[in-house]
């Protein structure tokens, strides 16, 4: 049974890599070895919200010659091509995650003590969006929500 799950994950990674390669090709952007290594880091860490330095460290393991400036340029390019989303959780650095063309992105819970970021998919804002669109004659494409507070581990350590 574990073999099948591994195969599914591998197939999913290949499918996503092709999807992002096509996005770059449509914009006439080459997928250089450094860009491919960066994209692989995102595909191998799907639920992490990584800083530039964390991405750089992971890419450097795959591609030791890569420089930090190359990673900054790659992230800027990927953001412009809507391959990644640039996120600001108020902790002094931008974090990045894959943009997978969801109708709405997932939302985030940010622990103010340890800085851990958790994702959740509950989308209870659809009715509110509809009301805002109707009342303001405004077409909403997406929204971002982040909740600030304390994770279970930090709550327990406060007691």
C-alpha atoms as a PDB file:
ATOM      1  CA  UNK A   1       0.000   0.000   0.000  1.00  0.00           C
ATOM      2  CA  UNK A   2       2.743   2.574   0.797  1.00  0.00           C
ATOM      3  CA  UNK A   3       4.179   2.022  -2.703  1.00  0.00           C
ATOM      4  CA  UNK A   4       0.930   3.231  -4.260  1.00  0.00           C
ATOM      5  CA  UNK A   5       0.918   6.420  -2.139  1.00  0.00           C
ATOM      6  CA  UNK A   6       4.550   7.107  -3.103  1.00  0.00           C
ATOM      7  CA  UNK A   7       3.690   6.609  -6.774  1.00  0.00           C
ATOM      8  CA  UNK A   8       0.693   8.943  -6.445  1.00  0.00           C
ATOM      9  CA  UNK A   9       2.864  11.643  -4.820  1.00  0.00           C
ATOM     10  CA  UNK A  10       5.493  11.234  -7.549  1.00  0.00           C
ATOM     11  CA  UNK A  11       2.854  11.455 -10.301  1.00  0.00           C
ATOM     12  CA  UNK A  12       1.340  14.521  -8.622  1.00  0.00           C
ATOM     13  CA  UNK A  13       4.766  16.199  -8.439  1.00  0.00           C
ATOM     14  CA  UNK A  14       5.402  15.471 -12.151  1.00  0.00           C
ATOM     15  CA  UNK A  15       1.948  16.824 -13.089  1.00  0.00           C
ATOM     16  CA  UNK A  16       2.516  20.012 -11.087  1.00  0.00           C
ATOM     17  CA  UNK A  17       6.019  20.482 -12.481  1.00  0.00           C
ATOM     18  CA  UNK A  18       4.614  20.267 -16.029  1.00  0.00           C
ATOM     19  CA  UNK A  19       1.842  22.729 -15.114  1.00  0.00           C
ATOM     20  CA  UNK A  20       4.391  25.288 -13.862  1.00  0.00           C
ATOM     21  CA  UNK A  21       6.755  24.633 -16.788  1.00  0.00           C
ATOM     22  CA  UNK A  22       3.855  25.396 -19.136  1.00  0.00           C
ATOM     23  CA  UNK A  23       3.125  28.633 -17.247  1.00  0.00           C
ATOM     24  CA  UNK A  24       6.727  29.730 -17.733  1.00  0.00           C
ATOM     25  CA  UNK A  25       6.784  28.651 -21.379  1.00  0.00           C
ATOM     26  CA  UNK A  26       3.588  30.640 -22.046  1.00  0.00           C
ATOM     27  CA  UNK A  27       5.461  33.700 -20.814  1.00  0.00           C
ATOM     28  CA  UNK A  28       8.513  32.759 -22.892  1.00  0.00           C
ATOM     29  CA  UNK A  29      10.606  32.181 -19.756  1.00  0.00           C
ATOM     30  CA  UNK A  30      13.215  29.416 -19.698  1.00  0.00           C
ATOM     31  CA  UNK A  31      13.266  26.844 -16.924  1.00  0.00           C
ATOM     32  CA  UNK A  32      16.956  27.015 -16.056  1.00  0.00           C
ATOM     33  CA  UNK A  33      18.489  24.377 -13.760  1.00  0.00           C
ATOM     34  CA  UNK A  34      18.447  26.891 -10.876  1.00  0.00           C
ATOM     35  CA  UNK A  35      14.765  27.696 -11.444  1.00  0.00           C
ATOM     36  CA  UNK A  36      13.917  24.011 -11.711  1.00  0.00           C
ATOM     37  CA  UNK A  37      15.734  23.300  -8.415  1.00  0.00           C
ATOM     38  CA  UNK A  38      13.800  26.163  -6.781  1.00  0.00           C
ATOM     39  CA  UNK A  39      10.503  24.849  -8.111  1.00  0.00           C
ATOM     40  CA  UNK A  40      11.365  21.359  -6.848  1.00  0.00           C
ATOM     41  CA  UNK A  41      11.934  22.802  -3.354  1.00  0.00           C
ATOM     42  CA  UNK A  42       8.386  24.185  -3.391  1.00  0.00           C
ATOM     43  CA  UNK A  43       6.949  20.910  -4.688  1.00  0.00           C
ATOM     44  CA  UNK A  44       8.796  18.922  -2.014  1.00  0.00           C
ATOM     45  CA  UNK A  45       7.627  21.275   0.776  1.00  0.00           C
ATOM     46  CA  UNK A  46       3.993  21.936  -0.151  1.00  0.00           C
ATOM     47  CA  UNK A  47       2.692  23.064   3.228  1.00  0.00           C
ATOM     48  CA  UNK A  48       5.706  25.106   4.338  1.00  0.00           C
ATOM     49  CA  UNK A  49       5.718  28.878   4.194  1.00  0.00           C
ATOM     50  CA  UNK A  50       9.393  29.435   3.505  1.00  0.00           C
ATOM     51  CA  UNK A  51      11.494  32.580   3.677  1.00  0.00           C
ATOM     52  CA  UNK A  52      13.992  33.433   0.952  1.00  0.00           C
ATOM     53  CA  UNK A  53      16.847  32.209   3.140  1.00  0.00           C
ATOM     54  CA  UNK A  54      15.121  28.877   3.837  1.00  0.00           C
ATOM     55  CA  UNK A  55      14.478  28.395   0.119  1.00  0.00           C
ATOM     56  CA  UNK A  56      18.100  29.300  -0.632  1.00  0.00           C
ATOM     57  CA  UNK A  57      19.422  26.721   1.866  1.00  0.00           C
ATOM     58  CA  UNK A  58      17.251  23.966   0.355  1.00  0.00           C
ATOM     59  CA  UNK A  59      18.106  24.863  -3.249  1.00  0.00           C
ATOM     60  CA  UNK A  60      21.820  25.023  -2.355  1.00  0.00           C
ATOM     61  CA  UNK A  61      21.666  21.361  -1.261  1.00  0.00           C
ATOM     62  CA  UNK A  62      20.483  20.434  -4.758  1.00  0.00           C
ATOM     63  CA  UNK A  63      22.493  23.007  -6.678  1.00  0.00           C
ATOM     64  CA  UNK A  64      25.575  24.041  -4.626  1.00  0.00           C
ATOM     65  CA  UNK A  65      26.703  26.726  -7.106  1.00  0.00           C
ATOM     66  CA  UNK A  66      23.509  28.776  -6.768  1.00  0.00           C
ATOM     67  CA  UNK A  67      23.786  32.262  -5.263  1.00  0.00           C
ATOM     68  CA  UNK A  68      21.346  34.084  -2.999  1.00  0.00           C
ATOM     69  CA  UNK A  69      20.839  36.805  -5.643  1.00  0.00           C
ATOM     70  CA  UNK A  70      19.703  34.119  -8.106  1.00  0.00           C
ATOM     71  CA  UNK A  71      17.119  32.904  -5.598  1.00  0.00           C
ATOM     72  CA  UNK A  72      15.822  36.462  -5.070  1.00  0.00           C
ATOM     73  CA  UNK A  73      15.488  36.944  -8.854  1.00  0.00           C
ATOM     74  CA  UNK A  74      13.838  33.541  -9.260  1.00  0.00           C
ATOM     75  CA  UNK A  75      11.296  34.277  -6.521  1.00  0.00           C
ATOM     76  CA  UNK A  76      10.499  37.635  -8.096  1.00  0.00           C
ATOM     77  CA  UNK A  77      10.018  35.967 -11.494  1.00  0.00           C
ATOM     78  CA  UNK A  78       7.892  33.147 -10.054  1.00  0.00           C
ATOM     79  CA  UNK A  79       5.730  35.718  -8.247  1.00  0.00           C
ATOM     80  CA  UNK A  80       5.260  37.711 -11.479  1.00  0.00           C
ATOM     81  CA  UNK A  81       4.329  34.480 -13.313  1.00  0.00           C
ATOM     82  CA  UNK A  82       1.828  33.535 -10.574  1.00  0.00           C
ATOM     83  CA  UNK A  83       3.733  30.368  -9.708  1.00  0.00           C
ATOM     84  CA  UNK A  84       4.166  31.379  -6.078  1.00  0.00           C
ATOM     85  CA  UNK A  85       2.392  33.693  -3.671  1.00  0.00           C
ATOM     86  CA  UNK A  86       4.355  36.172  -1.594  1.00  0.00           C
ATOM     87  CA  UNK A  87       2.972  36.302   1.944  1.00  0.00           C
ATOM     88  CA  UNK A  88       3.527  38.734   4.794  1.00  0.00           C
ATOM     89  CA  UNK A  89       2.753  37.367   8.254  1.00  0.00           C
ATOM     90  CA  UNK A  90       4.143  40.437  10.030  1.00  0.00           C
ATOM     91  CA  UNK A  91       7.273  38.658  11.242  1.00  0.00           C
ATOM     92  CA  UNK A  92       9.719  40.851   9.338  1.00  0.00           C
ATOM     93  CA  UNK A  93      10.268  38.643   6.294  1.00  0.00           C
ATOM     94  CA  UNK A  94       8.268  37.567   3.310  1.00  0.00           C
ATOM     95  CA  UNK A  95       7.327  33.933   2.995  1.00  0.00           C
ATOM     96  CA  UNK A  96       6.374  32.056  -0.132  1.00  0.00           C
ATOM     97  CA  UNK A  97       4.098  29.186  -1.105  1.00  0.00           C
ATOM     98  CA  UNK A  98       2.983  27.647  -4.380  1.00  0.00           C
ATOM     99  CA  UNK A  99       0.090  29.286  -6.181  1.00  0.00           C
ATOM    100  CA  UNK A 100      -2.042  26.507  -7.578  1.00  0.00           C
ATOM    101  CA  UNK A 101      -4.821  28.473  -9.249  1.00  0.00           C
ATOM    102  CA  UNK A 102      -7.359  27.780  -6.538  1.00  0.00           C
ATOM    103  CA  UNK A 103     -10.531  29.865  -6.662  1.00  0.00           C
ATOM    104  CA  UNK A 104      -9.673  31.029  -3.156  1.00  0.00           C
ATOM    105  CA  UNK A 105      -6.453  30.472  -1.388  1.00  0.00           C
ATOM    106  CA  UNK A 106      -6.435  28.752   1.953  1.00  0.00           C
ATOM    107  CA  UNK A 107      -6.185  30.840   5.103  1.00  0.00           C
ATOM    108  CA  UNK A 108      -3.547  31.047   7.795  1.00  0.00           C
ATOM    109  CA  UNK A 109      -3.284  30.882  11.565  1.00  0.00           C
ATOM    110  CA  UNK A 110      -0.125  32.617  12.802  1.00  0.00           C
ATOM    111  CA  UNK A 111       1.225  31.943  16.297  1.00  0.00           C
ATOM    112  CA  UNK A 112       2.505  35.191  17.797  1.00  0.00           C
ATOM    113  CA  UNK A 113       4.887  33.384  20.151  1.00  0.00           C
ATOM    114  CA  UNK A 114       6.673  30.724  18.071  1.00  0.00           C
ATOM    115  CA  UNK A 115       5.902  32.115  14.614  1.00  0.00           C
ATOM    116  CA  UNK A 116       4.482  28.813  13.344  1.00  0.00           C
ATOM    117  CA  UNK A 117       2.043  29.211  10.444  1.00  0.00           C
ATOM    118  CA  UNK A 118      -0.849  26.767  10.069  1.00  0.00           C
ATOM    119  CA  UNK A 119      -3.130  26.474   7.049  1.00  0.00           C
ATOM    120  CA  UNK A 120      -6.848  25.867   7.100  1.00  0.00           C
ATOM    121  CA  UNK A 121      -9.295  25.563   4.250  1.00  0.00           C
ATOM    122  CA  UNK A 122     -12.625  26.482   5.827  1.00  0.00           C
ATOM    123  CA  UNK A 123     -14.111  29.174   3.631  1.00  0.00           C
ATOM    124  CA  UNK A 124     -17.024  30.760   5.399  1.00  0.00           C
ATOM    125  CA  UNK A 125     -16.772  34.044   3.525  1.00  0.00           C
ATOM    126  CA  UNK A 126     -18.617  33.125   0.312  1.00  0.00           C
ATOM    127  CA  UNK A 127     -21.936  34.610   1.462  1.00  0.00           C
ATOM    128  CA  UNK A 128     -20.177  37.770   2.663  1.00  0.00           C
ATOM    129  CA  UNK A 129     -18.381  38.040  -0.698  1.00  0.00           C
ATOM    130  CA  UNK A 130     -21.696  37.728  -2.526  1.00  0.00           C
ATOM    131  CA  UNK A 131     -23.212  40.527  -0.404  1.00  0.00           C
ATOM    132  CA  UNK A 132     -20.186  42.786  -0.972  1.00  0.00           C
ATOM    133  CA  UNK A 133     -20.263  42.138  -4.737  1.00  0.00           C
ATOM    134  CA  UNK A 134     -23.984  42.890  -4.955  1.00  0.00           C
ATOM    135  CA  UNK A 135     -23.944  45.970  -2.729  1.00  0.00           C
ATOM    136  CA  UNK A 136     -20.810  47.510  -4.264  1.00  0.00           C
ATOM    137  CA  UNK A 137     -21.027  46.272  -7.861  1.00  0.00           C
ATOM    138  CA  UNK A 138     -17.551  44.824  -7.376  1.00  0.00           C
ATOM    139  CA  UNK A 139     -16.304  41.485  -8.715  1.00  0.00           C
ATOM    140  CA  UNK A 140     -14.218  39.741  -6.026  1.00  0.00           C
ATOM    141  CA  UNK A 141     -11.591  37.376  -7.384  1.00  0.00           C
ATOM    142  CA  UNK A 142      -9.904  36.328  -4.142  1.00  0.00           C
ATOM    143  CA  UNK A 143      -9.395  37.232  -0.513  1.00  0.00           C
ATOM    144  CA  UNK A 144      -6.727  36.661   2.122  1.00  0.00           C
ATOM    145  CA  UNK A 145      -7.360  35.924   5.767  1.00  0.00           C
ATOM    146  CA  UNK A 146      -4.879  35.447   8.568  1.00  0.00           C
ATOM    147  CA  UNK A 147      -5.703  34.984  12.220  1.00  0.00           C
ATOM    148  CA  UNK A 148      -3.147  35.924  14.864  1.00  0.00           C
ATOM    149  CA  UNK A 149      -3.029  34.112  18.183  1.00  0.00           C
ATOM    150  CA  UNK A 150      -1.300  31.293  20.049  1.00  0.00           C
ATOM    151  CA  UNK A 151      -0.945  27.667  18.987  1.00  0.00           C
ATOM    152  CA  UNK A 152      -1.801  24.852  21.379  1.00  0.00           C
ATOM    153  CA  UNK A 153       1.854  24.269  22.335  1.00  0.00           C
ATOM    154  CA  UNK A 154       2.436  27.946  23.186  1.00  0.00           C
ATOM    155  CA  UNK A 155      -0.859  28.144  25.113  1.00  0.00           C
ATOM    156  CA  UNK A 156       0.209  25.173  27.231  1.00  0.00           C
ATOM    157  CA  UNK A 157       3.626  26.710  27.906  1.00  0.00           C
ATOM    158  CA  UNK A 158       1.966  29.966  29.102  1.00  0.00           C
ATOM    159  CA  UNK A 159       0.023  28.172  31.819  1.00  0.00           C
END
